[in-house]
Amino acid sequence: MLAAGPQAHGSEAFCAITESRYCNKAGIFVARWPNLCRTDQVISQLHRKVPVVRGDGAVRAVHVAVGAQGSTSGKIETSSCEPRKRLAESSNHIDQGAPMAAKKKTKKATKKVTKKTAKKAVKKSAKKSSKKVAKKKVAKKKVATKTSVTLGGAAVSVSGTLPKVGSQLPKFSLASNRLREISNADLKGKRIIFNIFPSIDTPTCATSTRTFNDLASQLSNTEIYCVSADLPFAQSRFCGDKGLTNVKTASSFRSNFGAAFGVKLTSGDLKGLLARAVVVTDGKGKVLHAELVSEIANEPNYSAAISVLR
């Protein structure tokens, strides 16, 4: 059991745990100190709180009354008393327990932060890898859409692919022989044949223009546009000199036509001009026929172009 005793300090009495005595049934402990520091001083019922250790290691406060005879009595808030050594061990445990708990919390927090950081890093790397894969796929698609033809047997590349049969014509613009802009809206309700070639001043291009001019008379509600990158003045002069009145000319010199139709030459001596091709549409702009001539020096398949309109 624990007992409490006063220690004189100046004019004030202090209670401290000094030795074991006994604890009665009512929870009152009684102890005596024969060797008081100041026996001549009468201390009348000075109350102090003394820490007492419970059997389960918990610390409780006890009110202690210090009398003139050097006796003390107090009511213990627990049913058992422990020696002073347990009190010291308990206080050490309390002192050391706080930093240990803080360390555990810090470790847990650090683990959580580490896990979150790791998850974020994994997500970022996954996003980057998916982006790279997507870019590679787009690049492959772009490469796949590019086609090539030949000019005198030498391969030359083309900017894209022709509009597919069954699809709608892409948006485009051309310049007429009077420098007026021609677009999709101007062709509504009419069947159209686009006779596309590099330049009207080359033999094959001149031949195809004359051939389509002759075929135009056999087709109803159909307009034939001979399209090249020549200036409108040169196109108009050629048709005027040859007496070709059944076809119309249109220039791509200031428009996106070559890129929109995928027929712009991107390499070779004719780079920047148009490849040889034929595209046929109905009155609603739906593609009925599309041919990219594999050898620029060759003529297109006229009968295939005309047959879809008959």
Protein backbone atom coordinates (compact mmCIF):
# COMPACT_ATOMS: atom_id res chain seq x y z
CA MET A 1 0.00 0.00 0.00
CA LEU A 2 0.96 3.62 -0.32
CA ALA A 3 1.19 6.24 2.35
CA ALA A 4 1.73 9.92 1.99
CA GLY A 5 3.82 12.16 4.19
CA PRO A 6 4.61 15.87 4.37
CA GLN A 7 7.98 17.41 3.69
CA ALA A 8 8.65 20.85 5.15
CA HIS A 9 9.70 23.48 2.68
CA GLY A 10 9.68 27.02 4.05
CA SER A 11 6.34 27.74 5.60
CA GLU A 12 4.49 25.32 3.35
CA ALA A 13 3.95 21.59 3.74
CA PHE A 14 4.24 19.24 0.75
CA CYS A 15 2.83 15.72 0.62
CA ALA A 16 4.89 12.95 -0.95
CA ILE A 17 4.70 9.16 -1.14
CA THR A 18 7.35 7.84 1.21
CA GLU A 19 6.56 4.41 2.60
CA SER A 20 3.94 1.66 2.83
CA ARG A 21 1.60 1.37 5.80
CA TYR A 22 -1.92 0.04 5.55
CA CYS A 23 -5.26 0.74 3.90
CA ASN A 24 -8.51 0.17 5.78
CA LYS A 25 -11.74 -1.25 4.39
CA ALA A 26 -13.27 2.16 3.86
CA GLY A 27 -10.47 3.10 1.48
CA ILE A 28 -8.76 5.34 4.07
CA PHE A 29 -5.00 5.00 4.40
CA VAL A 30 -3.17 6.08 7.53
CA ALA A 31 0.58 6.61 8.00
CA ARG A 32 2.86 8.36 10.42
CA TRP A 33 6.22 10.07 9.89
CA PRO A 34 8.25 10.27 13.12
CA ASN A 35 11.01 12.31 11.53
CA LEU A 36 9.24 15.44 10.33
CA CYS A 37 11.60 18.09 9.09
CA ARG A 38 9.90 20.70 11.26
CA THR A 39 8.16 19.20 14.30
CA ASP A 40 7.58 22.53 15.91
CA GLN A 41 5.23 23.66 13.18
CA VAL A 42 1.59 22.91 13.57
CA ILE A 43 0.02 22.12 10.19
CA SER A 44 -3.69 22.27 10.42
CA GLN A 45 -5.63 20.19 7.89
CA LEU A 46 -3.59 21.19 4.81
CA HIS A 47 -5.04 19.37 1.85
CA ARG A 48 -3.00 18.20 -1.12
CA LYS A 49 -3.57 15.86 -4.03
CA VAL A 50 -1.23 12.88 -4.15
CA PRO A 51 -0.98 10.61 -7.22
CA VAL A 52 -1.70 6.98 -6.39
CA VAL A 53 -1.32 4.01 -8.77
CA ARG A 54 -4.21 1.61 -9.18
CA GLY A 55 -3.75 -2.10 -9.53
CA ASP A 56 -4.40 -1.85 -13.29
CA GLY A 57 -1.61 0.73 -13.72
CA ALA A 58 -3.87 3.79 -13.86
CA VAL A 59 -2.95 6.88 -11.86
CA ARG A 60 -5.56 8.55 -9.67
CA ALA A 61 -5.46 11.67 -7.44
CA VAL A 62 -6.04 11.36 -3.68
CA HIS A 63 -6.96 14.14 -1.25
CA VAL A 64 -4.66 13.93 1.75
CA ALA A 65 -5.20 15.75 5.07
CA VAL A 66 -2.00 16.49 6.96
CA GLY A 67 -2.39 16.84 10.75
CA ALA A 68 -0.32 18.42 13.54
CA GLN A 69 0.93 15.06 14.79
CA GLY A 70 2.53 14.34 11.44
CA SER A 71 -0.27 11.97 10.49
CA THR A 72 -2.09 11.97 7.25
CA SER A 73 -5.30 10.44 6.06
CA GLY A 74 -6.97 10.40 2.71
CA LYS A 75 -9.62 8.66 0.70
CA ILE A 76 -8.19 6.57 -2.11
CA GLU A 77 -10.19 6.50 -5.33
CA THR A 78 -9.26 2.87 -5.91
CA SER A 79 -9.70 -0.30 -3.89
CA SER A 80 -6.04 -1.28 -3.97
CA CYS A 81 -2.70 0.40 -3.49
CA GLU A 82 0.63 -0.21 -5.20
CA PRO A 83 4.17 0.54 -4.02
CA ARG A 84 6.10 3.60 -5.06
CA LYS A 85 8.04 1.59 -7.66
CA ARG A 86 4.86 0.99 -9.67
CA LEU A 87 4.14 4.70 -9.57
CA ALA A 88 7.58 5.45 -11.02
CA GLU A 89 7.19 2.75 -13.67
CA SER A 90 3.74 4.02 -14.53
CA SER A 91 4.97 7.59 -14.89
CA ASN A 92 7.81 6.38 -17.10
CA HIS A 93 5.33 4.39 -19.15
CA ILE A 94 3.13 7.46 -19.55
CA ASP A 95 6.08 9.65 -20.48
CA GLN A 96 7.33 7.17 -23.07
CA GLY A 97 3.90 6.16 -24.37
CA ALA A 98 3.10 9.55 -25.92
CA PRO A 99 6.14 9.69 -28.23
CA MET A 100 5.66 6.03 -29.18
CA ALA A 101 2.06 6.69 -30.17
CA ALA A 102 3.16 9.77 -32.12
CA LYS A 103 5.79 7.69 -33.91
CA LYS A 104 3.20 5.07 -34.84
CA LYS A 105 0.87 7.76 -36.17
CA THR A 106 3.75 9.29 -38.14
CA LYS A 107 4.62 5.90 -39.60
CA LYS A 108 1.01 5.26 -40.58
CA ALA A 109 0.73 8.71 -42.14
CA THR A 110 4.01 8.17 -44.00
CA LYS A 111 2.80 4.81 -45.31
CA LYS A 112 -0.46 6.37 -46.50
CA VAL A 113 1.39 9.20 -48.25
CA THR A 114 3.79 6.70 -49.82
CA LYS A 115 0.91 4.54 -51.06
CA LYS A 116 -0.92 7.57 -52.48
CA THR A 117 2.25 8.79 -54.18
CA ALA A 118 2.88 5.34 -55.64
CA LYS A 119 -0.71 5.12 -56.94
CA LYS A 120 -0.44 8.56 -58.50
CA ALA A 121 2.85 7.62 -60.15
CA VAL A 122 1.32 4.41 -61.54
CA LYS A 123 -1.69 6.34 -62.88
CA LYS A 124 0.54 8.96 -64.50
CA SER A 125 2.75 6.34 -66.13
CA ALA A 126 -0.35 4.48 -67.35
CA LYS A 127 -1.78 7.68 -68.85
CA LYS A 128 1.53 8.50 -70.53
CA SER A 129 1.84 5.02 -71.98
CA SER A 130 -1.77 5.08 -73.24
CA LYS A 131 -1.16 8.49 -74.83
CA LYS A 132 1.97 7.18 -76.53
CA VAL A 133 0.07 4.17 -77.84
CA ALA A 134 -2.74 6.42 -79.10
CA LYS A 135 -0.22 8.71 -80.83
CA LYS A 136 1.44 5.71 -82.47
CA LYS A 137 -1.94 4.47 -83.69
CA VAL A 138 -2.79 7.89 -85.12
CA ALA A 139 0.62 8.06 -86.78
CA LYS A 140 0.08 4.60 -88.28
CA LYS A 141 -3.33 5.65 -89.56
CA LYS A 142 -1.85 8.76 -91.12
CA VAL A 143 0.85 6.72 -92.80
CA ALA A 144 -1.72 4.18 -93.95
CA THR A 145 -3.93 6.84 -95.55
CA LYS A 146 -1.09 8.10 -97.71
CA THR A 147 -0.92 6.47 -101.13
CA SER A 148 1.51 6.63 -104.00
CA VAL A 149 1.32 6.65 -107.78
CA THR A 150 3.96 6.72 -110.46
CA LEU A 151 5.10 9.31 -112.96
CA GLY A 152 6.97 7.71 -115.83
CA GLY A 153 7.58 4.68 -113.61
CA ALA A 154 8.98 6.69 -110.68
CA ALA A 155 6.98 6.57 -107.45
CA VAL A 156 5.50 9.81 -106.19
CA SER A 157 3.46 10.24 -103.02
CA VAL A 158 -0.08 11.56 -102.72
CA SER A 159 -1.43 13.51 -99.76
CA GLY A 160 -4.27 11.13 -98.89
CA THR A 161 -6.97 8.90 -100.32
CA LEU A 162 -9.96 9.60 -102.53
CA PRO A 163 -13.44 9.85 -100.99
CA LYS A 164 -14.86 6.36 -100.61
CA VAL A 165 -17.78 5.15 -102.69
CA GLY A 166 -20.99 5.65 -100.70
CA SER A 167 -19.62 8.54 -98.66
CA GLN A 168 -20.51 12.21 -98.96
CA LEU A 169 -18.21 14.61 -100.75
CA PRO A 170 -15.88 16.50 -98.42
CA LYS A 171 -16.23 20.25 -98.15
CA PHE A 172 -14.17 22.00 -100.81
CA SER A 173 -13.86 25.13 -102.89
CA LEU A 174 -12.61 25.84 -106.42
CA ALA A 175 -12.19 28.92 -108.61
CA SER A 176 -14.20 29.15 -111.82
CA ASN A 177 -12.85 30.58 -115.11
CA ARG A 178 -14.25 33.92 -113.96
CA LEU A 179 -12.53 33.59 -110.57
CA ARG A 180 -15.84 32.93 -108.83
CA GLU A 181 -15.75 30.48 -105.95
CA ILE A 182 -17.40 27.11 -106.44
CA SER A 183 -18.37 24.98 -103.41
CA ASN A 184 -20.57 22.02 -102.49
CA ALA A 185 -23.65 24.24 -102.32
CA ASP A 186 -23.30 25.16 -106.00
CA LEU A 187 -23.51 21.51 -107.06
CA LYS A 188 -26.67 20.47 -105.23
CA GLY A 189 -29.23 18.64 -107.33
CA LYS A 190 -26.75 17.92 -110.14
CA ARG A 191 -24.75 14.82 -110.98
CA ILE A 192 -21.07 15.71 -111.17
CA ILE A 193 -17.97 14.19 -112.78
CA PHE A 194 -14.66 15.57 -111.47
CA ASN A 195 -11.97 15.01 -114.09
CA ILE A 196 -8.84 15.76 -112.03
CA PHE A 197 -5.33 16.06 -113.50
CA PRO A 198 -1.98 17.88 -113.02
CA SER A 199 -2.05 20.45 -115.85
CA ILE A 200 -4.14 21.13 -118.93
CA ASP A 201 -1.01 21.84 -120.96
CA THR A 202 0.13 18.19 -120.89
CA PRO A 203 -0.91 15.74 -123.64
CA THR A 204 -2.80 13.23 -121.46
CA CYS A 205 -4.72 15.96 -119.63
CA ALA A 206 -5.73 17.56 -122.90
CA THR A 207 -6.92 14.18 -124.20
CA SER A 208 -9.04 13.44 -121.14
CA THR A 209 -10.66 16.87 -121.35
CA ARG A 210 -11.64 16.32 -124.97
CA THR A 211 -12.93 12.80 -124.24
CA PHE A 212 -15.18 13.89 -121.40
CA ASN A 213 -16.42 16.76 -123.53
CA ASP A 214 -17.63 14.23 -126.11
CA LEU A 215 -19.22 11.99 -123.44
CA ALA A 216 -21.07 14.87 -121.76
CA SER A 217 -23.59 15.06 -124.57
CA GLN A 218 -24.73 11.51 -123.70
CA LEU A 219 -25.50 12.32 -120.05
CA SER A 220 -28.52 14.19 -118.70
CA ASN A 221 -28.46 16.45 -115.64
CA THR A 222 -24.70 16.01 -115.41
CA GLU A 223 -21.90 18.54 -115.24
CA ILE A 224 -18.26 17.70 -115.88
CA TYR A 225 -15.60 19.77 -114.13
CA CYS A 226 -12.04 19.53 -115.39
CA VAL A 227 -9.98 20.38 -112.29
CA SER A 228 -6.28 21.24 -112.15
CA ALA A 229 -3.93 23.66 -110.38
CA ASP A 230 -3.63 25.76 -113.56
CA LEU A 231 -4.75 29.36 -113.45
CA PRO A 232 -8.36 29.81 -114.62
CA PHE A 233 -7.15 31.91 -117.54
CA ALA A 234 -5.04 29.06 -118.97
CA GLN A 235 -7.89 26.57 -118.55
CA SER A 236 -10.36 28.89 -120.26
CA ARG A 237 -7.99 29.60 -123.14
CA PHE A 238 -7.42 25.87 -123.79
CA CYS A 239 -11.12 25.04 -123.97
CA GLY A 240 -11.76 28.10 -126.15
CA ASP A 241 -9.02 27.18 -128.59
CA LYS A 242 -10.25 23.55 -128.86
CA GLY A 243 -13.95 24.45 -129.01
CA LEU A 244 -14.80 22.42 -125.92
CA THR A 245 -18.15 23.71 -124.64
CA ASN A 246 -19.66 20.68 -122.84
CA VAL A 247 -17.21 20.72 -119.93
CA LYS A 248 -16.44 23.31 -117.28
CA THR A 249 -13.04 24.18 -115.88
CA ALA A 250 -12.18 24.85 -112.25
CA SER A 251 -8.87 25.71 -110.61
CA SER A 252 -7.49 24.59 -107.22
CA PHE A 253 -4.74 27.24 -107.19
CA ARG A 254 -6.12 28.99 -104.10
CA SER A 255 -8.24 26.30 -102.45
CA ASN A 256 -8.13 23.19 -100.26
CA PHE A 257 -9.40 20.87 -102.99
CA GLY A 258 -6.22 18.79 -103.29
CA ALA A 259 -6.06 18.10 -99.55
CA ALA A 260 -9.82 17.53 -99.20
CA PHE A 261 -9.91 14.96 -102.02
CA GLY A 262 -6.51 13.46 -101.06
CA VAL A 263 -5.05 14.03 -104.56
CA LYS A 264 -2.28 16.57 -103.92
CA LEU A 265 1.15 15.34 -105.05
CA THR A 266 3.65 15.65 -102.20
CA SER A 267 6.83 14.51 -103.96
CA GLY A 268 8.41 14.27 -107.42
CA ASP A 269 8.71 16.82 -110.22
CA LEU A 270 5.00 17.67 -110.11
CA LYS A 271 4.94 18.24 -106.35
CA GLY A 272 2.13 20.65 -105.42
CA LEU A 273 -0.02 19.76 -108.43
CA LEU A 274 -2.90 17.28 -108.50
CA ALA A 275 -2.74 13.57 -109.29
CA ARG A 276 -4.88 12.08 -112.05
CA ALA A 277 -8.24 10.89 -110.75
CA VAL A 278 -11.98 10.71 -111.47
CA VAL A 279 -14.77 11.13 -108.89
CA VAL A 280 -18.48 10.81 -109.76
CA THR A 281 -21.36 11.89 -107.47
CA ASP A 282 -25.14 11.89 -107.59
CA GLY A 283 -27.43 14.91 -107.08
CA LYS A 284 -27.12 14.61 -103.26
CA GLY A 285 -23.33 14.65 -103.17
CA LYS A 286 -22.97 10.91 -102.62
CA VAL A 287 -19.88 9.34 -104.20
CA LEU A 288 -20.78 6.78 -106.88
CA HIS A 289 -17.35 6.17 -108.38
CA ALA A 290 -13.73 7.04 -107.48
CA GLU A 291 -10.54 6.17 -109.37
CA LEU A 292 -6.95 7.21 -108.68
CA VAL A 293 -4.97 6.49 -111.83
CA SER A 294 -1.88 4.56 -110.81
CA GLU A 295 0.32 6.03 -113.58
CA ILE A 296 -0.13 9.76 -114.08
CA ALA A 297 0.79 9.49 -117.77
CA ASN A 298 -2.16 7.13 -118.40
CA GLU A 299 -5.78 8.09 -119.10
CA PRO A 300 -8.59 7.26 -116.66
CA ASN A 301 -11.22 4.56 -117.13
CA TYR A 302 -13.94 6.56 -118.91
CA SER A 303 -16.46 3.74 -119.29
CA ALA A 304 -16.36 2.95 -115.54
CA ALA A 305 -17.08 6.58 -114.74
CA ILE A 306 -19.95 6.86 -117.17
CA SER A 307 -21.57 3.53 -116.36
CA VAL A 308 -22.57 4.55 -112.81
CA LEU A 309 -24.68 7.39 -114.28
CA ARG A 310 -26.60 5.33 -116.82
